[in-house]
Amino acid sequence: MKAKRQHNPALYEAILTLKTPSECVDFFEDLCTVGELSAMEQRFQVALDLHQGKIYNEILAETGASSATISRVNRTLQYGTGGYDLVFSRRETPDAEGGTVSPDADGPAAGK
């Protein structure tokens, strides 16, 4: 059985302090190498595409992700901790003021 890896809560607490997509971009560009950030962005796009019901060949053509990456992300969607589903549901849920949270908008008026 695989031992559960210890996580550094300081990193996740730091991420929670970020308020806008541009702040997130700045932080992650400082934190990650270009390759690491590109890989995370690609995996998230694959997860979005799978969540939207796209097929492997379509995702492969649109993202350039390998079939192994698509399979790994699909396995995580099916048997992971539910983190992707939590993010997807929050991105699709109206905020308290009636707008929706927009992944591409900046600032407090995001999604309105």
Protein backbone atom coordinates (compact mmCIF):
# COMPACT_ATOMS: atom_id res chain seq x y z
CA MET A 1 0.00 0.00 0.00
CA LYS A 2 1.29 3.44 -0.94
CA ALA A 3 2.05 5.75 2.00
CA LYS A 4 0.11 9.00 2.02
CA ARG A 5 2.37 11.92 1.19
CA GLN A 6 2.66 14.77 3.67
CA HIS A 7 1.49 18.13 2.31
CA ASN A 8 2.81 21.57 3.21
CA PRO A 9 -0.24 23.55 4.36
CA ALA A 10 1.61 26.86 3.93
CA LEU A 11 1.48 26.51 0.14
CA TYR A 12 -2.28 25.89 0.05
CA GLU A 13 -2.93 28.69 2.55
CA ALA A 14 -0.85 31.03 0.35
CA ILE A 15 -2.92 30.07 -2.71
CA LEU A 16 -6.10 30.89 -0.82
CA THR A 17 -4.88 34.48 -0.30
CA LEU A 18 -4.89 35.16 -4.06
CA LYS A 19 -7.90 37.18 -5.19
CA THR A 20 -7.76 37.45 -8.98
CA PRO A 21 -6.75 35.24 -11.90
CA SER A 22 -3.87 37.62 -12.67
CA GLU A 23 -2.58 37.27 -9.09
CA CYS A 24 -2.73 33.50 -9.55
CA VAL A 25 -0.82 33.69 -12.84
CA ASP A 26 1.89 35.82 -11.22
CA PHE A 27 2.20 33.50 -8.23
CA PHE A 28 2.27 30.28 -10.24
CA GLU A 29 4.75 31.73 -12.76
CA ASP A 30 7.05 32.49 -9.82
CA LEU A 31 6.45 29.12 -8.16
CA CYS A 32 6.61 26.75 -11.15
CA THR A 33 8.86 26.18 -14.10
CA VAL A 34 7.37 26.85 -17.52
CA GLY A 35 7.10 23.08 -18.06
CA GLU A 36 5.38 22.43 -14.71
CA LEU A 37 2.86 25.19 -15.28
CA SER A 38 2.20 24.08 -18.84
CA ALA A 39 1.62 20.49 -17.68
CA MET A 40 -0.83 21.60 -14.97
CA GLU A 41 -2.71 23.86 -17.37
CA GLN A 42 -2.92 21.05 -19.93
CA ARG A 43 -4.18 18.52 -17.34
CA PHE A 44 -6.82 20.97 -16.15
CA GLN A 45 -7.98 21.62 -19.72
CA VAL A 46 -8.18 17.85 -20.30
CA ALA A 47 -10.26 17.52 -17.13
CA LEU A 48 -12.59 20.31 -18.29
CA ASP A 49 -12.97 18.67 -21.69
CA LEU A 50 -13.71 15.26 -20.18
CA HIS A 51 -16.19 16.86 -17.78
CA GLN A 52 -17.93 18.43 -20.80
CA GLY A 53 -18.21 15.01 -22.45
CA LYS A 54 -15.60 15.40 -25.17
CA ILE A 55 -14.04 12.23 -26.55
CA TYR A 56 -10.35 11.28 -26.34
CA ASN A 57 -9.54 11.98 -30.00
CA GLU A 58 -11.12 15.43 -29.82
CA ILE A 59 -9.21 16.26 -26.62
CA LEU A 60 -5.97 14.94 -28.12
CA ALA A 61 -6.39 17.14 -31.19
CA GLU A 62 -7.36 20.27 -29.22
CA THR A 63 -4.86 20.05 -26.35
CA GLY A 64 -1.96 18.02 -27.70
CA ALA A 65 -2.14 15.89 -24.55
CA SER A 66 -0.99 12.31 -24.91
CA SER A 67 -3.50 9.48 -24.60
CA ALA A 68 -1.68 8.49 -21.38
CA THR A 69 -2.28 11.95 -19.90
CA ILE A 70 -5.94 11.89 -20.95
CA SER A 71 -6.36 8.42 -19.41
CA ARG A 72 -4.63 9.48 -16.19
CA VAL A 73 -6.84 12.57 -15.85
CA ASN A 74 -9.94 10.48 -16.61
CA ARG A 75 -8.93 7.97 -13.93
CA THR A 76 -8.52 10.85 -11.46
CA LEU A 77 -11.96 12.19 -12.37
CA GLN A 78 -13.43 8.73 -11.78
CA TYR A 79 -11.49 7.60 -8.69
CA GLY A 80 -9.71 10.68 -7.28
CA THR A 81 -10.51 12.77 -4.24
CA GLY A 82 -13.24 14.82 -5.95
CA GLY A 83 -11.16 17.99 -6.21
CA TYR A 84 -11.89 18.49 -9.90
CA ASP A 85 -15.64 18.04 -9.33
CA LEU A 86 -15.57 20.55 -6.49
CA VAL A 87 -13.87 23.15 -8.69
CA PHE A 88 -16.19 22.45 -11.62
CA SER A 89 -19.30 22.84 -9.46
CA ARG A 90 -18.04 26.10 -7.98
CA ARG A 91 -17.16 27.50 -11.42
CA GLU A 92 -20.73 26.74 -12.57
CA THR A 93 -22.49 28.03 -9.44
CA PRO A 94 -23.90 31.55 -9.23
CA ASP A 95 -22.18 33.75 -6.66
CA ALA A 96 -24.03 35.41 -3.77
CA GLU A 97 -24.90 38.45 -5.91
CA GLY A 98 -26.42 36.52 -8.79
CA GLY A 99 -23.45 36.46 -11.17
CA THR A 100 -21.40 33.42 -11.97
CA VAL A 101 -17.79 32.94 -11.10
CA SER A 102 -15.80 33.44 -14.29
CA PRO A 103 -12.41 31.77 -14.66
CA ASP A 104 -11.22 34.49 -17.07
CA ALA A 105 -12.37 37.63 -15.26
CA ASP A 106 -10.40 39.73 -12.81
CA GLY A 107 -11.51 41.48 -9.66
CA PRO A 108 -14.63 41.59 -7.53
CA ALA A 109 -17.00 42.05 -10.47
CA ALA A 110 -15.86 38.80 -12.04
CA GLY A 111 -18.61 36.97 -13.84
CA LYS A 112 -21.22 39.70 -13.76
